[in-house]
């Protein structure tokens, strides 16, 4: 059941600008932003009927008798609205809303709803996003069908309401070309460039110096490509200690070699202004948040940071604990879900919201450490509806 306090992000998003202690004032502020956006989106003039819809929405918001006297609250709301108009003036935030958002507002204005039903119906989530979200909702290229071109990925991502995408070096692209412009044309940012493909061939923890040298070259090339496509981060996998029962390279050797070789890439990273972000993966290395924190900190460089994957830590840890431990070192985030082993049922990755990741705790932890960046769903392609389905799931998670 949705309670008053569950108004959450919607009220918080604008209550301060209204200046009211009542969380209901946040709804008015968010609605007022939408109204501004409607006017801005129709620069040739918003019709009177459209503006009347908003007035009716104000009335609907005050219609719930279980929240006090309708007449008294209506006067309170209109007072808040006038205050908001006065403070906001011409409005510093002009939003161009999608048609689906217009339809949502029209529907909300057309039916009689109490505030509780209005929130429960999901409209609050849309208004909260319209009022400005702290995170950039992203998707990884693995969510698209194999051999999908980058232009089609950009188009589909934008159509599904994603802000950004992560691409794979030597899989999705091998050079920068005009990818930066093409992404911008679609209104999509490139959040990260994966260098996992070349590093799987040339791991930095290899006992062979020549192999490690090729790995360094691959990372430097990745920073060049990332800079060329307007991407601010290269994702790195630090090499496998082993797989299953087989040991490849010792833990201490992996730490030493990876540290020494990655240090050679810092200058290229700085010159290109591209972060090198280390991901926690299933490579039997950096198994705790304390180790990851120590590993990152030893470089004493702002260009070596962490790419946190919340699903990957589930078999032996808790995402929210990792987030609190790593804190500001987290510069990119992968959103995944994992179902822990129960009885004879093995642990496994599952679709978002179907596993054991405590997303409410994760989002609270991200707010605690003041993370405001890319959150990218790393969900593999499962059919033509994958991208749209993942987008809807991400909306639910981001609004927790």
Protein backbone atom coordinates (compact mmCIF):
# COMPACT_ATOMS: atom_id res chain seq x y z
CA UNK A 1 0.00 0.00 0.00
CA UNK A 2 1.26 3.45 -0.89
CA UNK A 3 1.42 5.73 2.15
CA UNK A 4 1.96 9.47 2.43
CA UNK A 5 5.69 9.13 3.04
CA UNK A 6 6.07 7.07 -0.13
CA UNK A 7 5.68 10.20 -2.19
CA UNK A 8 9.51 10.12 -2.08
CA UNK A 9 11.34 11.54 -5.03
CA UNK A 10 8.38 13.49 -6.35
CA UNK A 11 7.97 15.64 -3.26
CA UNK A 12 11.70 15.89 -2.60
CA UNK A 13 12.37 16.98 -6.17
CA UNK A 14 10.62 20.29 -5.78
CA UNK A 15 9.48 20.86 -2.19
CA UNK A 16 12.51 23.01 -1.45
CA UNK A 17 11.84 25.29 -4.40
CA UNK A 18 8.27 25.78 -3.20
CA UNK A 19 9.47 26.34 0.34
CA UNK A 20 6.67 24.35 1.97
CA UNK A 21 7.10 21.75 4.67
CA UNK A 22 4.07 19.83 3.37
CA UNK A 23 5.34 17.12 0.96
CA UNK A 24 2.23 17.77 -1.11
CA UNK A 25 3.84 21.03 -2.21
CA UNK A 26 6.35 18.96 -4.17
CA UNK A 27 3.56 17.61 -6.35
CA UNK A 28 2.46 21.13 -7.15
CA UNK A 29 6.01 22.12 -8.02
CA UNK A 30 6.51 19.09 -10.26
CA UNK A 31 3.20 19.72 -11.97
CA UNK A 32 4.11 23.36 -12.42
CA UNK A 33 7.34 22.31 -14.17
CA UNK A 34 5.30 20.10 -16.48
CA UNK A 35 3.01 23.00 -17.25
CA UNK A 36 6.04 25.15 -18.11
CA UNK A 37 7.29 22.36 -20.33
CA UNK A 38 3.97 22.09 -22.14
CA UNK A 39 4.06 25.79 -22.94
CA UNK A 40 7.71 25.59 -24.04
CA UNK A 41 7.08 22.51 -26.19
CA UNK A 42 4.34 24.44 -28.02
CA UNK A 43 6.22 27.67 -28.63
CA UNK A 44 3.55 28.82 -31.05
CA UNK A 45 1.19 29.01 -28.07
CA UNK A 46 -0.40 26.46 -25.76
CA UNK A 47 -4.13 26.22 -26.29
CA UNK A 48 -6.48 27.24 -23.51
CA UNK A 49 -7.87 23.74 -23.14
CA UNK A 50 -4.39 22.34 -22.49
CA UNK A 51 -3.75 24.89 -19.75
CA UNK A 52 -7.17 24.21 -18.28
CA UNK A 53 -6.09 20.58 -17.96
CA UNK A 54 -3.43 21.64 -15.52
CA UNK A 55 -5.90 23.68 -13.48
CA UNK A 56 -8.14 20.65 -13.33
CA UNK A 57 -5.15 18.57 -12.22
CA UNK A 58 -4.59 20.97 -9.32
CA UNK A 59 -8.18 20.40 -8.35
CA UNK A 60 -7.82 16.64 -8.65
CA UNK A 61 -4.77 16.67 -6.40
CA UNK A 62 -6.81 18.31 -3.66
CA UNK A 63 -9.86 16.09 -4.11
CA UNK A 64 -8.93 13.38 -1.57
CA UNK A 65 -11.12 13.99 1.43
CA UNK A 66 -8.95 11.67 3.56
CA UNK A 67 -6.23 14.32 3.38
CA UNK A 68 -8.29 17.06 5.02
CA UNK A 69 -10.96 19.46 3.96
CA UNK A 70 -11.14 19.64 0.19
CA UNK A 71 -12.03 23.33 0.20
CA UNK A 72 -9.30 24.27 2.68
CA UNK A 73 -6.67 22.22 0.89
CA UNK A 74 -7.74 23.61 -2.47
CA UNK A 75 -7.07 27.11 -1.19
CA UNK A 76 -3.73 25.93 0.23
CA UNK A 77 -2.74 24.37 -3.08
CA UNK A 78 -3.67 27.41 -5.11
CA UNK A 79 -1.67 29.57 -2.70
CA UNK A 80 1.31 27.29 -3.15
CA UNK A 81 0.84 27.37 -6.90
CA UNK A 82 0.81 31.17 -6.93
CA UNK A 83 3.94 31.17 -4.75
CA UNK A 84 5.58 28.75 -7.14
CA UNK A 85 4.64 30.89 -10.15
CA UNK A 86 6.07 33.98 -8.49
CA UNK A 87 9.32 32.25 -7.53
CA UNK A 88 9.79 30.45 -10.77
CA UNK A 89 9.02 33.41 -12.99
CA UNK A 90 9.69 32.56 -16.58
CA UNK A 91 10.91 29.16 -15.35
CA UNK A 92 14.55 28.22 -15.50
CA UNK A 93 13.67 24.69 -16.54
CA UNK A 94 11.96 24.29 -19.90
CA UNK A 95 11.14 20.71 -20.69
CA UNK A 96 10.13 19.20 -24.01
CA UNK A 97 7.92 16.34 -22.96
CA UNK A 98 7.08 13.23 -24.91
CA UNK A 99 3.56 12.68 -26.18
CA UNK A 100 3.19 9.80 -23.74
CA UNK A 101 3.67 12.25 -20.88
CA UNK A 102 0.98 14.53 -22.32
CA UNK A 103 -1.37 11.55 -22.51
CA UNK A 104 -0.61 10.65 -18.90
CA UNK A 105 -1.52 14.14 -17.74
CA UNK A 106 -4.67 14.26 -19.86
CA UNK A 107 -5.78 10.93 -18.42
CA UNK A 108 -5.06 12.04 -14.87
CA UNK A 109 -7.07 15.18 -15.42
CA UNK A 110 -9.97 13.31 -16.98
CA UNK A 111 -10.67 10.88 -14.16
CA UNK A 112 -11.40 11.42 -10.50
CA UNK A 113 -8.46 10.23 -8.40
CA UNK A 114 -7.43 10.67 -4.82
CA UNK A 115 -3.81 11.66 -4.28
CA UNK A 116 -3.01 8.17 -3.04
CA UNK A 117 -4.36 6.55 -6.21
CA UNK A 118 -2.57 9.14 -8.30
CA UNK A 119 0.76 8.22 -6.73
CA UNK A 120 0.07 4.47 -6.85
CA UNK A 121 -0.90 4.73 -10.51
CA UNK A 122 2.69 5.51 -11.47
CA UNK A 123 2.13 9.11 -12.54
CA UNK A 124 4.33 10.29 -9.68
CA UNK A 125 7.30 8.46 -11.16
CA UNK A 126 6.85 10.24 -14.48
CA UNK A 127 6.58 13.62 -12.84
CA UNK A 128 9.64 12.96 -10.72
CA UNK A 129 11.66 12.17 -13.83
CA UNK A 130 10.33 15.23 -15.61
CA UNK A 131 11.31 17.37 -12.64
CA UNK A 132 14.89 16.19 -13.09
CA UNK A 133 16.52 12.88 -12.19
CA UNK A 134 19.97 12.64 -10.68
CA UNK A 135 20.90 9.54 -12.65
CA UNK A 136 21.46 8.90 -16.33
CA UNK A 137 19.54 5.80 -17.32
CA UNK A 138 21.74 3.64 -19.51
CA UNK A 139 21.78 0.33 -21.32
CA UNK A 140 24.67 -1.87 -22.45
CA UNK A 141 25.05 -2.97 -26.05
CA UNK A 142 24.63 -6.62 -25.04
CA UNK A 143 20.89 -5.89 -24.72
CA UNK A 144 20.61 -5.54 -28.49
CA UNK A 145 20.41 -8.33 -31.00
CA UNK A 146 23.80 -9.56 -32.28
CA UNK A 147 25.15 -7.59 -35.23
CA UNK A 148 22.95 -4.57 -34.52
CA UNK A 149 24.74 -1.49 -35.83
CA UNK A 150 25.58 1.38 -33.53
CA UNK A 151 23.20 3.78 -35.26
CA UNK A 152 20.33 1.36 -34.74
CA UNK A 153 21.39 0.93 -31.10
CA UNK A 154 21.34 4.70 -30.63
CA UNK A 155 17.90 4.96 -32.22
CA UNK A 156 16.42 2.12 -30.19
CA UNK A 157 17.98 3.34 -26.95
CA UNK A 158 16.54 6.82 -27.37
CA UNK A 159 13.16 5.45 -28.38
CA UNK A 160 13.14 3.40 -25.16
CA UNK A 161 13.92 6.53 -23.10
CA UNK A 162 17.54 5.70 -22.31
CA UNK A 163 19.96 8.56 -21.80
CA UNK A 164 23.11 6.60 -22.57
CA UNK A 165 24.66 3.41 -23.86
CA UNK A 166 27.81 1.39 -23.19
CA UNK A 167 29.71 0.03 -26.20
CA UNK A 168 32.32 -2.70 -26.64
CA UNK A 169 35.69 -2.03 -28.24
CA UNK A 170 36.47 -4.43 -31.12
CA UNK A 171 32.90 -5.75 -31.04
CA UNK A 172 30.57 -2.79 -31.58
CA UNK A 173 33.30 -0.56 -33.00
CA UNK A 174 37.03 -0.58 -33.65
CA UNK A 175 37.64 3.14 -34.19
CA UNK A 176 36.00 6.42 -33.33
CA UNK A 177 34.97 7.54 -36.83
CA UNK A 178 32.00 9.92 -36.56
CA UNK A 179 30.33 7.95 -33.78
CA UNK A 180 30.34 10.97 -31.46
CA UNK A 181 28.24 13.01 -33.89
CA UNK A 182 25.91 10.12 -34.66
CA UNK A 183 25.25 9.51 -30.96
CA UNK A 184 24.60 13.22 -30.43
CA UNK A 185 22.19 13.27 -33.38
CA UNK A 186 20.13 10.65 -31.56
CA UNK A 187 20.43 12.44 -28.22
CA UNK A 188 22.32 9.58 -26.57
CA UNK A 189 25.55 9.73 -24.55
CA UNK A 190 28.18 6.99 -24.60
CA UNK A 191 28.69 6.17 -20.93
CA UNK A 192 31.53 3.70 -21.18
CA UNK A 193 33.70 1.79 -23.64
CA UNK A 194 34.46 -1.80 -22.69
CA UNK A 195 38.05 -2.92 -23.22
CA UNK A 196 37.26 -6.43 -21.98
CA UNK A 197 37.53 -7.99 -25.45
CA UNK A 198 41.21 -7.07 -26.11
CA UNK A 199 42.16 -7.64 -22.46
CA UNK A 200 40.79 -11.18 -22.62
CA UNK A 201 43.44 -11.81 -25.28
CA UNK A 202 46.17 -9.82 -23.57
CA UNK A 203 45.56 -9.88 -19.80
CA UNK A 204 47.68 -7.57 -17.72
CA UNK A 205 48.40 -10.34 -15.21
CA UNK A 206 49.94 -12.65 -17.80
CA UNK A 207 53.38 -14.01 -16.87
CA UNK A 208 54.50 -13.14 -20.42
CA UNK A 209 55.85 -9.59 -20.70
CA UNK A 210 54.97 -9.37 -24.41
CA UNK A 211 51.35 -10.26 -23.72
CA UNK A 212 51.13 -7.65 -20.99
CA UNK A 213 52.65 -5.04 -23.33
CA UNK A 214 49.91 -5.72 -25.89
CA UNK A 215 47.36 -5.32 -23.11
CA UNK A 216 48.78 -1.90 -22.26
CA UNK A 217 48.65 -0.93 -25.94
CA UNK A 218 45.01 -2.01 -26.06
CA UNK A 219 44.09 0.16 -23.08
CA UNK A 220 45.87 3.20 -24.50
CA UNK A 221 44.09 2.64 -27.83
CA UNK A 222 40.80 2.35 -25.94
CA UNK A 223 41.34 5.76 -24.32
CA UNK A 224 42.05 7.25 -27.75
CA UNK A 225 38.86 5.75 -29.20
CA UNK A 226 36.83 6.77 -26.14
CA UNK A 227 38.00 10.36 -26.43
CA UNK A 228 37.11 10.33 -30.11
CA UNK A 229 33.54 9.19 -29.48
CA UNK A 230 32.94 11.54 -26.57
CA UNK A 231 33.04 8.80 -23.95
CA UNK A 232 34.49 9.57 -20.53
CA UNK A 233 35.38 6.10 -19.28
CA UNK A 234 37.00 2.82 -20.34
CA UNK A 235 35.87 -0.31 -18.51
CA UNK A 236 38.70 -2.65 -17.49
CA UNK A 237 38.69 -6.26 -16.30
CA UNK A 238 41.82 -6.93 -14.23
CA UNK A 239 42.55 -10.44 -15.48
CA UNK A 240 41.62 -13.86 -14.16
CA UNK A 241 43.32 -15.48 -11.20
CA UNK A 242 41.68 -18.73 -12.18
CA UNK A 243 38.56 -20.45 -13.43
CA UNK A 244 36.76 -23.14 -11.50
CA UNK A 245 39.29 -25.49 -9.95
CA UNK A 246 42.11 -24.32 -12.24
CA UNK A 247 44.56 -21.65 -11.05
CA UNK A 248 45.91 -19.43 -13.83
CA UNK A 249 48.07 -16.83 -12.11
CA UNK A 250 48.55 -16.24 -8.40
CA UNK A 251 46.61 -13.59 -6.52
CA UNK A 252 49.70 -11.67 -5.43
CA UNK A 253 51.25 -11.90 -8.90
CA UNK A 254 48.01 -10.64 -10.43
CA UNK A 255 47.94 -7.70 -8.05
CA UNK A 256 51.56 -6.79 -8.74
CA UNK A 257 51.47 -7.21 -12.53
CA UNK A 258 48.14 -5.48 -13.04
CA UNK A 259 49.27 -2.56 -10.89
CA UNK A 260 52.56 -2.13 -12.71
CA UNK A 261 51.06 -2.35 -16.20
CA UNK A 262 48.04 -0.16 -15.48
CA UNK A 263 50.33 2.54 -14.13
CA UNK A 264 51.75 2.81 -17.67
CA UNK A 265 48.29 3.80 -18.95
CA UNK A 266 47.58 6.67 -16.57
CA UNK A 267 49.26 9.38 -18.66
CA UNK A 268 47.22 8.42 -21.76
CA UNK A 269 44.10 8.41 -19.62
CA UNK A 270 44.86 11.86 -18.30
CA UNK A 271 45.80 13.26 -21.70
CA UNK A 272 42.56 11.98 -23.21
CA UNK A 273 40.58 12.90 -20.08
CA UNK A 274 39.11 9.41 -20.00
CA UNK A 275 38.71 7.48 -16.76
CA UNK A 276 40.01 3.94 -16.39
CA UNK A 277 37.34 2.16 -14.35
CA UNK A 278 37.96 -1.30 -12.91
CA UNK A 279 34.95 -3.59 -12.74
CA UNK A 280 34.34 -6.20 -10.08
CA UNK A 281 33.81 -9.40 -12.07
CA UNK A 282 33.93 -13.15 -11.55
CA UNK A 283 37.69 -13.49 -11.97
CA UNK A 284 38.51 -14.53 -8.37
CA UNK A 285 40.29 -11.23 -7.81
CA UNK A 286 39.34 -8.18 -5.73
CA UNK A 287 36.68 -10.18 -3.94
CA UNK A 288 35.82 -7.64 -1.24
CA UNK A 289 35.06 -3.91 -1.27
CA UNK A 290 38.03 -3.31 1.01
CA UNK A 291 40.38 -4.87 -1.53
CA UNK A 292 38.85 -2.93 -4.39
CA UNK A 293 39.16 0.30 -2.44
CA UNK A 294 42.80 -0.40 -1.56
CA UNK A 295 43.61 -1.37 -5.13
CA UNK A 296 42.15 1.83 -6.57
CA UNK A 297 43.66 4.08 -3.91
CA UNK A 298 47.21 2.83 -4.42
CA UNK A 299 47.43 4.65 -7.76
CA UNK A 300 46.75 8.00 -6.13
CA UNK A 301 45.26 9.12 -9.41
CA UNK A 302 41.82 10.59 -10.14
CA UNK A 303 41.92 8.73 -13.46
CA UNK A 304 41.82 5.25 -11.90
CA UNK A 305 38.38 4.58 -10.44
CA UNK A 306 35.77 1.83 -10.04
CA UNK A 307 33.01 0.53 -12.29
CA UNK A 308 30.65 -1.09 -9.80
CA UNK A 309 28.48 -4.07 -10.80
CA UNK A 310 25.76 -4.71 -8.21
CA UNK A 311 24.83 -8.16 -9.51
CA UNK A 312 28.36 -9.54 -9.62
CA UNK A 313 28.90 -9.19 -5.87
CA UNK A 314 25.76 -11.04 -4.80
CA UNK A 315 27.23 -14.57 -4.28
CA UNK A 316 29.69 -13.29 -1.64
CA UNK A 317 28.62 -9.79 -0.66
CA UNK A 318 26.01 -7.06 -0.56
CA UNK A 319 25.85 -4.29 -3.17
CA UNK A 320 24.86 -1.60 -0.68
CA UNK A 321 27.89 -2.49 1.48
CA UNK A 322 30.21 -2.22 -1.52
CA UNK A 323 28.72 1.16 -2.39
CA UNK A 324 29.24 2.56 1.09
CA UNK A 325 32.82 1.22 1.16
CA UNK A 326 33.86 2.44 -2.29
CA UNK A 327 32.02 5.74 -2.02
CA UNK A 328 33.23 8.42 -4.46
CA UNK A 329 35.51 5.95 -6.24
CA UNK A 330 32.44 4.63 -8.06
CA UNK A 331 32.21 6.43 -11.38
CA UNK A 332 30.06 4.01 -13.37
CA UNK A 333 27.44 1.46 -12.27
CA UNK A 334 26.07 -1.70 -13.84
CA UNK A 335 22.52 -2.61 -12.84
CA UNK A 336 21.88 -6.35 -12.75
CA UNK A 337 19.99 -8.88 -10.66
CA UNK A 338 20.99 -12.23 -9.20
CA UNK A 339 19.02 -15.04 -7.58
CA UNK A 340 20.96 -16.64 -4.76
CA UNK A 341 21.28 -20.39 -4.46
CA UNK A 342 18.46 -22.07 -2.55
CA UNK A 343 18.67 -25.77 -1.83
CA UNK A 344 19.43 -27.56 -5.09
CA UNK A 345 18.59 -24.51 -7.16
CA UNK A 346 21.89 -22.92 -8.27
CA UNK A 347 22.51 -19.21 -8.12
CA UNK A 348 21.98 -17.41 -11.41
CA UNK A 349 21.55 -14.04 -13.08
CA UNK A 350 17.92 -13.20 -13.67
CA UNK A 351 15.93 -10.32 -15.20
CA UNK A 352 15.83 -7.09 -13.23
CA UNK A 353 13.54 -7.15 -10.18
CA UNK A 354 13.29 -10.95 -10.21
CA UNK A 355 16.28 -11.75 -8.00
CA UNK A 356 17.67 -10.94 -4.58
CA UNK A 357 19.30 -7.55 -5.14
CA UNK A 358 17.78 -5.15 -2.61
CA UNK A 359 17.30 -2.25 -5.01
CA UNK A 360 15.78 0.03 -2.38
CA UNK A 361 18.90 -0.38 -0.24
CA UNK A 362 21.14 0.03 -3.29
CA UNK A 363 19.48 3.27 -4.36
CA UNK A 364 19.61 4.57 -0.79
CA UNK A 365 23.33 3.75 -0.64
CA UNK A 366 23.96 5.56 -3.92
CA UNK A 367 22.21 8.61 -2.51
CA UNK A 368 24.26 8.30 0.69
CA UNK A 369 27.53 8.49 -1.24
CA UNK A 370 26.09 11.23 -3.47
CA UNK A 371 26.48 9.26 -6.68
CA UNK A 372 24.87 11.13 -9.58
CA UNK A 373 25.99 9.52 -12.79
CA UNK A 374 25.36 6.71 -15.23
CA UNK A 375 23.44 3.62 -14.18
CA UNK A 376 23.51 1.13 -17.04
CA UNK A 377 21.46 -2.03 -17.24
CA UNK A 378 23.68 -4.94 -18.24
CA UNK A 379 21.04 -7.39 -19.43
CA UNK A 380 21.66 -9.65 -22.40
CA UNK A 381 19.41 -9.75 -25.43
CA UNK A 382 16.47 -12.12 -24.97
CA UNK A 383 14.21 -11.05 -27.81
CA UNK A 384 12.92 -8.01 -29.73
CA UNK A 385 11.27 -6.51 -26.62
CA UNK A 386 14.38 -6.67 -24.43
CA UNK A 387 15.34 -2.99 -24.62
CA UNK A 388 11.82 -1.71 -23.94
CA UNK A 389 11.30 -4.15 -21.08
CA UNK A 390 14.61 -3.24 -19.47
CA UNK A 391 13.75 0.45 -19.74
CA UNK A 392 10.50 -0.07 -17.83
CA UNK A 393 12.30 -2.12 -15.18
CA UNK A 394 14.97 0.57 -14.82
CA UNK A 395 12.32 3.21 -14.29
CA UNK A 396 10.95 1.27 -11.34
CA UNK A 397 14.42 0.87 -9.85
CA UNK A 398 15.51 4.48 -10.33
CA UNK A 399 12.40 5.76 -8.63
CA UNK A 400 12.95 3.76 -5.44
